Protein backbone atom coordinates (compact mmCIF):
# COMPACT_ATOMS: atom_id res chain seq x y z
CA MET A 1 19.42 -21.89 -14.62
CA PHE A 2 20.90 -18.80 -13.01
CA GLU A 3 20.39 -16.66 -16.20
CA ILE A 4 16.68 -17.74 -16.29
CA GLU A 5 16.18 -16.86 -12.70
CA PHE A 6 17.91 -13.44 -13.25
CA LEU A 7 15.73 -12.65 -16.12
CA ASN A 8 12.61 -13.54 -14.15
CA TYR A 9 13.49 -11.00 -11.55
CA PHE A 10 14.31 -8.55 -14.17
CA TYR A 11 10.87 -8.94 -15.85
CA PHE A 12 9.03 -8.46 -12.53
CA LEU A 13 11.17 -5.19 -11.83
CA ILE A 14 10.20 -4.01 -15.18
CA LEU A 15 6.60 -5.05 -14.59
CA GLY A 16 6.48 -3.15 -11.40
CA SER A 17 7.92 -0.10 -12.81
CA ILE A 18 5.33 0.00 -15.37
CA PHE A 19 2.48 -0.56 -12.76
CA GLY A 20 4.18 2.05 -10.60
CA SER A 21 3.98 4.61 -13.45
CA PHE A 22 0.42 3.94 -13.84
CA GLY A 23 -0.05 4.20 -10.32
CA ASN A 24 1.37 7.55 -10.16
CA VAL A 25 -1.76 8.49 -12.49
CA LEU A 26 -4.06 6.91 -9.86
CA ILE A 27 -2.52 8.78 -6.97
CA TYR A 28 -3.07 12.03 -8.70
CA ARG A 29 -6.26 11.60 -10.48
CA MET A 30 -8.49 9.30 -8.30
CA PRO A 31 -8.95 11.67 -5.39
CA ARG A 32 -9.91 14.51 -7.86
CA GLU A 33 -12.30 12.17 -9.64
CA GLU A 34 -10.45 12.81 -12.96
CA SER A 35 -10.30 10.32 -15.80
CA ILE A 36 -7.45 7.94 -15.55
CA ILE A 37 -7.50 7.41 -19.26
CA SER A 38 -7.37 11.03 -20.80
CA PRO A 39 -6.01 13.31 -21.04
CA ARG A 40 -2.43 11.76 -21.50
CA SER A 41 0.24 12.70 -19.14
CA HIS A 42 1.43 16.25 -19.57
CA CYS A 43 3.28 19.11 -17.84
CA PHE A 44 1.11 21.15 -15.32
CA ARG A 45 2.84 24.25 -16.36
CA CYS A 46 3.09 24.37 -20.16
CA LYS A 47 0.38 21.66 -20.84
CA THR A 48 2.73 19.89 -23.19
CA GLN A 49 1.96 16.15 -23.46
CA VAL A 50 4.68 14.04 -22.28
CA ALA A 51 6.20 11.93 -25.13
CA TRP A 52 6.58 8.28 -24.75
CA TYR A 53 10.32 8.39 -24.68
CA ASP A 54 10.07 10.91 -21.82
CA ASN A 55 7.79 8.61 -19.82
CA ILE A 56 9.78 5.47 -19.62
CA PRO A 57 9.62 4.26 -15.95
CA LEU A 58 12.72 4.33 -13.78
CA ILE A 59 14.78 6.06 -16.62
CA SER A 60 13.12 9.24 -18.06
CA TRP A 61 13.02 11.26 -14.81
CA PHE A 62 16.79 10.91 -14.40
CA VAL A 63 17.36 11.75 -18.28
CA LEU A 64 15.33 14.83 -18.03
CA ARG A 65 16.88 15.68 -14.47
CA GLY A 66 13.48 15.85 -13.26
CA ARG A 67 12.14 18.65 -15.34
CA CYS A 68 9.80 19.26 -18.36
CA ARG A 69 11.71 18.83 -21.61
CA LYS A 70 9.95 22.11 -23.01
CA CYS A 71 9.57 24.32 -20.12
CA LYS A 72 11.87 23.00 -17.59
CA ALA A 73 9.19 23.07 -14.87
CA PRO A 74 10.23 20.46 -12.10
CA PHE A 75 8.63 17.15 -11.85
CA SER A 76 8.14 15.64 -8.28
CA PHE A 77 10.85 13.02 -7.47
CA ARG A 78 7.87 11.04 -5.83
CA TYR A 79 7.02 9.86 -9.37
CA VAL A 80 10.20 7.90 -9.79
CA LEU A 81 10.02 6.94 -6.03
CA VAL A 82 6.54 5.24 -6.57
CA GLU A 83 8.01 3.38 -9.59
CA TYR A 84 11.07 2.23 -7.85
CA LEU A 85 8.95 1.18 -4.79
CA MET A 86 6.58 -0.92 -7.04
CA ALA A 87 9.31 -2.39 -8.90
CA ILE A 88 11.09 -3.68 -5.83
CA ALA A 89 7.79 -4.84 -4.30
CA PHE A 90 6.91 -6.79 -7.50
CA ALA A 91 10.38 -8.48 -7.50
CA PHE A 92 10.13 -9.35 -3.71
CA CYS A 93 6.80 -10.98 -4.33
CA TYR A 94 8.35 -13.24 -6.98
CA HIS A 95 11.31 -13.86 -4.75
CA GLN A 96 8.86 -14.87 -1.62
CA PHE A 97 6.20 -16.76 -3.68
CA GLY A 98 7.76 -17.92 -6.95
CA PHE A 99 5.22 -18.72 -9.75
CA SER A 100 2.04 -19.53 -7.85
CA TRP A 101 -1.55 -18.51 -7.62
CA PHE A 102 -0.72 -16.50 -4.49
CA LEU A 103 1.83 -14.62 -6.52
CA LEU A 104 -0.94 -13.05 -8.39
CA GLU A 105 -2.77 -12.09 -5.24
CA ALA A 106 0.39 -10.71 -3.68
CA LEU A 107 1.15 -8.61 -6.70
CA ILE A 108 -2.46 -6.98 -6.65
CA PHE A 109 -2.03 -6.70 -2.86
CA VAL A 110 1.17 -4.63 -2.95
CA PHE A 111 -0.04 -2.59 -5.89
CA GLY A 112 -3.09 -1.49 -3.89
CA LEU A 113 -1.27 -0.93 -0.60
CA ILE A 114 1.43 1.38 -2.22
CA ILE A 115 -1.26 3.55 -4.14
CA SER A 116 -3.64 3.80 -1.19
CA SER A 117 -0.78 4.71 1.12
CA PHE A 118 0.30 7.63 -1.21
CA ILE A 119 -3.34 8.78 -1.57
CA ASP A 120 -3.90 8.77 2.06
CA MET A 121 -0.67 10.84 2.69
CA ASP A 122 -1.95 13.39 0.29
CA HIS A 123 -5.77 13.45 1.12
CA MET A 124 -6.20 11.66 4.25
CA ILE A 125 -8.71 9.17 2.51
CA LEU A 126 -8.38 5.49 1.50
CA PRO A 127 -10.49 4.85 -1.71
CA ASP A 128 -13.13 2.12 -1.47
CA GLU A 129 -11.98 1.04 -4.90
CA PHE A 130 -8.98 -0.40 -3.24
CA THR A 131 -10.02 -1.15 0.34
CA LEU A 132 -13.54 -2.73 -0.47
CA GLY A 133 -12.30 -4.03 -3.80
CA GLY A 134 -9.20 -5.57 -2.12
CA LEU A 135 -11.35 -7.19 0.61
CA ALA A 136 -13.65 -8.70 -1.93
CA LEU A 137 -10.78 -9.97 -3.99
CA GLY A 138 -9.08 -11.20 -0.85
CA LEU A 139 -12.17 -13.45 0.13
CA ALA A 140 -12.72 -14.63 -3.39
CA GLY A 141 -9.03 -15.68 -3.58
CA ALA A 142 -9.37 -17.60 -0.39
CA LEU A 143 -12.30 -19.36 -2.04
CA LEU A 144 -10.70 -19.94 -5.32
CA ASN A 145 -7.17 -20.28 -4.60
CA PRO A 146 -6.07 -24.12 -3.70
CA GLU A 147 -3.17 -22.84 -1.88
CA ARG A 148 -5.43 -20.85 0.67
CA GLU A 149 -8.34 -21.60 2.95
CA PHE A 150 -11.61 -19.31 3.22
CA MET A 151 -12.35 -19.34 7.13
CA PRO A 152 -8.79 -17.86 8.12
CA ALA A 153 -9.45 -15.24 5.48
CA LEU A 154 -13.18 -14.45 6.77
CA ILE A 155 -11.96 -14.49 10.42
CA GLY A 156 -9.03 -12.17 9.33
CA ALA A 157 -11.21 -9.73 7.66
CA LEU A 158 -13.76 -9.70 10.63
CA ILE A 159 -11.10 -9.36 13.34
CA GLY A 160 -9.06 -6.82 11.39
CA GLY A 161 -11.98 -4.60 10.46
CA GLY A 162 -13.66 -5.35 14.03
CA PHE A 163 -10.72 -4.44 16.00
CA LEU A 164 -10.26 -0.91 14.34
CA TRP A 165 -14.03 -0.31 14.40
CA LEU A 166 -14.14 -1.15 18.23
CA MET A 167 -11.09 1.17 18.97
CA ALA A 168 -12.65 4.06 16.95
CA TYR A 169 -16.00 3.54 18.75
CA ILE A 170 -14.40 3.50 21.99
CA TYR A 171 -12.32 6.78 21.33
CA PHE A 172 -15.45 8.43 20.13
CA LEU A 173 -17.48 7.64 23.26
CA LEU A 174 -14.59 8.94 25.43
CA THR A 175 -13.72 12.14 23.50
CA HIS A 176 -16.90 12.73 21.12
CA VAL A 177 -14.26 13.14 18.39
CA GLU A 178 -13.81 10.63 15.49
CA GLY A 179 -10.20 9.61 15.70
CA MET A 180 -9.98 7.02 12.97
CA GLY A 181 -11.57 7.06 9.53
CA GLY A 182 -13.57 4.31 8.01
CA GLY A 183 -10.89 3.73 5.36
CA ASP A 184 -8.36 2.31 7.94
CA ILE A 185 -11.04 -0.24 9.18
CA LYS A 186 -11.74 -1.35 5.65
CA LEU A 187 -7.96 -1.49 4.85
CA LEU A 188 -7.29 -3.69 7.86
CA ALA A 189 -10.27 -5.89 7.08
CA TRP A 190 -8.62 -6.33 3.55
CA ILE A 191 -5.17 -7.17 5.18
CA GLY A 192 -6.63 -9.66 7.28
CA ALA A 193 -8.66 -11.28 4.26
CA LEU A 194 -5.33 -11.87 2.44
CA LEU A 195 -2.67 -12.51 5.20
CA GLY A 196 -5.10 -14.25 7.77
CA TRP A 197 -6.18 -13.38 11.34
CA LYS A 198 -2.94 -14.28 13.00
CA ALA A 199 -1.34 -11.38 10.98
CA ILE A 200 -3.48 -8.91 12.65
CA PRO A 201 -1.57 -8.20 16.01
CA PHE A 202 1.69 -7.72 14.22
CA VAL A 203 0.20 -5.48 11.64
CA ILE A 204 -1.29 -3.17 14.30
CA MET A 205 1.61 -3.21 16.52
CA THR A 206 4.02 -2.38 13.79
CA ALA A 207 1.75 0.43 12.58
CA ALA A 208 1.29 1.68 16.14
CA ILE A 209 4.92 1.99 16.64
CA VAL A 210 6.11 3.50 13.41
CA GLY A 211 3.02 5.70 13.36
CA SER A 212 3.46 6.85 16.91
CA THR A 213 7.42 7.53 16.13
CA VAL A 214 6.57 9.53 13.04
CA GLY A 215 3.66 11.38 14.71
CA LEU A 216 5.75 12.45 17.69
CA GLY A 217 8.41 13.79 15.32
CA LEU A 218 5.91 15.75 13.29
CA ALA A 219 4.32 17.17 16.58
CA TRP A 220 7.55 18.37 17.73
CA LYS A 221 8.43 19.97 14.19
CA GLN A 222 5.13 21.44 13.65
CA LYS A 223 4.66 22.36 17.43
CA LYS A 224 0.91 21.30 17.28
CA GLY A 225 1.36 18.57 20.17
CA LEU A 226 -1.42 15.92 20.43
CA LYS A 227 -3.40 17.87 17.70
CA THR A 228 -1.10 16.69 15.01
CA ILE A 229 -2.88 14.55 12.53
CA ILE A 230 -1.28 11.71 10.41
CA PRO A 231 -2.87 9.19 8.07
CA PHE A 232 -2.69 5.77 9.79
CA GLY A 233 -3.20 3.76 6.39
CA PRO A 234 0.53 3.95 5.38
CA TYR A 235 1.69 2.40 8.62
CA LEU A 236 -0.83 -0.41 8.40
CA ALA A 237 0.32 -1.14 4.87
CA LEU A 238 3.95 -1.00 5.98
CA GLY A 239 3.10 -3.59 8.72
CA ALA A 240 1.36 -5.72 6.24
CA LEU A 241 4.13 -5.47 3.70
CA ILE A 242 6.81 -6.45 6.34
CA TYR A 243 4.55 -9.48 7.35
CA LEU A 244 4.14 -10.54 3.57
CA PHE A 245 7.83 -10.37 2.90
CA GLY A 246 9.13 -12.58 5.72
CA GLY A 247 7.74 -11.18 8.82
CA GLN A 248 5.42 -14.11 9.43
CA THR A 249 7.99 -15.66 11.86
CA ILE A 250 8.12 -12.46 13.98
CA GLY A 251 4.34 -12.25 13.69
CA GLU A 252 3.68 -15.77 14.66
CA TRP A 253 6.12 -15.40 17.81
CA TYR A 254 4.38 -12.16 18.75
CA PHE A 255 0.90 -13.74 18.42
CA HIS A 256 1.79 -16.99 20.57
CA LEU A 257 2.92 -14.73 23.27
CA PHE A 258 -0.67 -13.82 23.94
CA LEU A 259 -2.42 -16.88 22.59
CA PRO A 260 -0.03 -19.75 22.99
CA GLU A 261 -2.69 -22.15 22.51
CA PHE A 262 -3.49 -21.34 18.88
């Protein structure tokens, strides 16, 4: 029994690393509107295609010491970082939900959150393919998955997206400056559709605390003060992942502080 369970974790680690490797392609090519199919992965300096044995997730980067086999140009450590994050997230999903219908939804969810977060950090955008596509899948999953109910998903999407839209609108009225992108609104709507409306306060508070801490650190380092701009999507994603992987108890406690009757 222990051996089977160990193998299951191992399989999900490998599956996550493979999707992480594919995710690196999406992170780089989607914002540039390049094909995610061709050309094959190659060195950006010498243009040599990366051989299959130099493209093994979690391993090849260390074997090559982070450099192209031919010209020795450095490869970013972030490639292997994304692979490890995805591998760990997939294994956590299996640990948390076992073999269930929701496991499939959770795997899609964490894949989209991680890829969207890195794209947002690079380009300050959250692709509709993930946010709106995830929202549609989240609502469809609530309809089709017997383990979930549709109304909490719909209310979660409306409250999540509606709250950020209202905050952005009020900020614009006060400052005449757009303070939050539409991608964040759609992302939180997707989070609400999958996790339900009771997750929204926890996700927003977690994102605000972590984002503010990081933002203040960057403002001090870059000496730009309140003009420092940071993407908010990664912090919303972090709050959602914490809630997904066991933060429900904390989230529900926080929720009942304000709405004890629910």
